[in-house]
Amino acid sequence: MKMELTEYLGRAASELLKAEPFSRWHVVCTKENDPKPEICYEFDGHGVEVICDRFDRVQTVFVHRGQGESLVDFPFAMGRRQVLERLGTPEKSGRAGQIPVLGNFGAWDLFRLPRFSLHVQYRVDRDEIDMITLMVPDAVP
């Protein structure tokens, strides 16, 4: 499975920010201290967000539908069955639901792979991937 973004997990964000296509994209950096210190990089209009620890090491990468899709080896048109056929049985799964403040969300699956964890969020309105989240093992909630 070719997922080049996984190579940045646990590394300095500066490595990712210097790499293509990120070096060409406009990025907004914010720092959060509550509940824990973290640095967030959002690539506006490209569907990619990167969360780093207080030392600016990449912990989590969110890839939303849109331009960011090309960065992962998963066509977002894949349905849940296809994802399960490709990755096997997930460690955890959840049904579609609703969070009062945030709204509706689709079903999801979490896979623990040897070097990282992969969270696949499906769309609410059809059986397709909506977002892929790559995480260092310690970042899994």
Protein backbone atom coordinates (compact mmCIF):
# COMPACT_ATOMS: atom_id res chain seq x y z
CA MET A 1 0.00 0.00 0.00
CA LYS A 2 1.55 3.30 -1.11
CA MET A 3 0.68 6.06 1.33
CA GLU A 4 3.54 8.54 1.21
CA LEU A 5 1.99 10.75 3.85
CA THR A 6 2.70 8.06 6.42
CA GLU A 7 6.42 8.75 5.98
CA TYR A 8 5.94 12.12 7.71
CA LEU A 9 4.26 10.69 10.80
CA GLY A 10 6.48 11.31 13.81
CA ARG A 11 8.84 13.58 11.85
CA ALA A 12 9.34 17.33 12.01
CA ALA A 13 6.60 19.29 10.27
CA SER A 14 9.31 21.28 8.48
CA GLU A 15 10.05 18.18 6.36
CA LEU A 16 6.44 18.00 5.19
CA LEU A 17 6.22 21.76 4.62
CA LYS A 18 9.28 21.66 2.31
CA ALA A 19 7.95 18.75 0.24
CA GLU A 20 5.77 18.88 -2.87
CA PRO A 21 2.93 19.66 -3.12
CA PHE A 22 2.81 21.23 0.36
CA SER A 23 5.57 23.73 -0.37
CA ARG A 24 3.37 25.25 -3.12
CA TRP A 25 0.18 25.38 -1.09
CA HIS A 26 -0.95 28.21 1.15
CA VAL A 27 -0.89 27.05 4.76
CA VAL A 28 -2.40 28.52 7.90
CA CYS A 29 -0.64 27.63 11.15
CA THR A 30 -2.39 27.85 14.51
CA LYS A 31 -1.26 26.86 17.97
CA GLU A 32 -3.55 25.38 20.57
CA ASN A 33 -2.83 24.97 24.25
CA ASP A 34 -6.10 23.56 25.50
CA PRO A 35 -6.49 20.74 26.38
CA LYS A 36 -2.93 19.92 25.27
CA PRO A 37 -0.34 21.88 23.33
CA GLU A 38 -0.42 21.23 19.59
CA ILE A 39 0.38 22.96 16.32
CA CYS A 40 -2.08 22.75 13.44
CA TYR A 41 -1.36 23.30 9.76
CA GLU A 42 -4.31 23.71 7.41
CA PHE A 43 -3.80 23.76 3.67
CA ASP A 44 -6.76 25.91 2.61
CA GLY A 45 -8.65 24.58 -0.39
CA HIS A 46 -6.66 21.35 -0.56
CA GLY A 47 -8.45 19.20 1.98
CA VAL A 48 -5.41 18.49 4.15
CA GLU A 49 -4.86 19.28 7.84
CA VAL A 50 -1.82 18.29 9.88
CA ILE A 51 -1.75 18.16 13.67
CA CYS A 52 1.64 18.22 15.40
CA ASP A 53 2.67 17.81 19.01
CA ARG A 54 4.21 20.66 20.98
CA PHE A 55 7.61 19.78 19.46
CA ASP A 56 6.14 20.25 15.95
CA ARG A 57 6.30 16.53 15.09
CA VAL A 58 3.52 15.26 12.83
CA GLN A 59 1.01 13.22 14.82
CA THR A 60 -2.11 13.21 12.67
CA VAL A 61 -2.90 13.95 9.02
CA PHE A 62 -6.51 14.49 7.91
CA VAL A 63 -7.22 14.07 4.20
CA HIS A 64 -10.69 15.22 3.15
CA ARG A 65 -12.48 14.67 -0.14
CA GLY A 66 -11.08 17.01 -2.77
CA GLN A 67 -7.58 17.82 -3.93
CA GLY A 68 -5.93 16.03 -1.02
CA GLU A 69 -7.31 12.69 -2.24
CA SER A 70 -4.42 12.29 -4.64
CA LEU A 71 -2.01 12.07 -1.70
CA VAL A 72 -3.31 8.70 -0.54
CA ASP A 73 -3.61 5.36 -2.26
CA PHE A 74 -7.34 5.11 -1.63
CA PRO A 75 -9.86 6.32 -4.21
CA PHE A 76 -12.48 8.18 -2.22
CA ALA A 77 -15.14 6.56 -4.43
CA MET A 78 -14.44 3.27 -2.61
CA GLY A 79 -17.26 1.98 -0.45
CA ARG A 80 -16.97 0.44 2.97
CA ARG A 81 -17.04 -3.12 1.63
CA GLN A 82 -14.13 -2.38 -0.72
CA VAL A 83 -12.12 -0.83 2.13
CA LEU A 84 -12.73 -3.88 4.31
CA GLU A 85 -11.73 -6.22 1.47
CA ARG A 86 -8.51 -4.29 1.08
CA LEU A 87 -7.57 -3.81 4.76
CA GLY A 88 -9.32 -6.67 6.54
CA THR A 89 -11.17 -6.50 9.82
CA PRO A 90 -10.96 -3.12 11.55
CA GLU A 91 -9.94 -2.83 15.18
CA LYS A 92 -12.94 -0.61 15.85
CA SER A 93 -15.96 0.53 13.86
CA GLY A 94 -18.82 2.92 14.40
CA ARG A 95 -22.21 3.58 12.92
CA ALA A 96 -23.39 6.82 11.40
CA GLY A 97 -24.74 9.25 13.95
CA GLN A 98 -25.11 12.84 15.03
CA ILE A 99 -23.27 15.10 17.43
CA PRO A 100 -25.57 17.95 18.55
CA VAL A 101 -23.14 20.81 17.89
CA LEU A 102 -21.29 19.29 14.91
CA GLY A 103 -24.14 17.59 13.03
CA ASN A 104 -24.35 14.27 11.20
CA PHE A 105 -21.38 12.00 10.58
CA GLY A 106 -20.99 8.78 8.62
CA ALA A 107 -19.93 5.33 9.72
CA TRP A 108 -16.22 4.76 10.34
CA ASP A 109 -13.54 2.09 10.67
CA LEU A 110 -10.19 2.19 12.48
CA PHE A 111 -7.31 -0.01 11.35
CA ARG A 112 -4.08 -0.43 13.32
CA LEU A 113 -1.28 -1.12 10.90
CA PRO A 114 2.35 -1.88 11.82
CA ARG A 115 3.65 1.73 11.69
CA PHE A 116 0.50 3.83 11.98
CA SER A 117 -3.26 3.81 12.41
CA LEU A 118 -5.71 4.55 9.64
CA HIS A 119 -9.20 5.90 10.30
CA VAL A 120 -11.67 5.86 7.42
CA GLN A 121 -14.76 8.06 7.73
CA TYR A 122 -17.56 7.37 5.25
CA ARG A 123 -20.03 9.85 3.82
CA VAL A 124 -23.45 10.27 5.40
CA ASP A 125 -25.33 10.40 2.10
CA ARG A 126 -23.65 7.54 0.19
CA ASP A 127 -21.27 4.64 0.56
CA GLU A 128 -18.01 6.43 -0.23
CA ILE A 129 -15.00 7.63 1.74
CA ASP A 130 -15.37 11.15 3.12
CA MET A 131 -12.08 11.48 5.04
CA ILE A 132 -8.97 9.45 5.79
CA THR A 133 -6.99 10.10 8.96
CA LEU A 134 -3.43 8.86 9.41
CA MET A 135 -2.09 8.78 12.97
CA VAL A 136 0.97 7.79 14.93
CA PRO A 137 -0.07 4.98 17.31
CA ASP A 138 -0.02 7.30 20.36
CA ALA A 139 -2.43 9.76 18.72
CA VAL A 140 -5.34 7.34 18.41
CA PRO A 141 -8.14 8.49 20.74
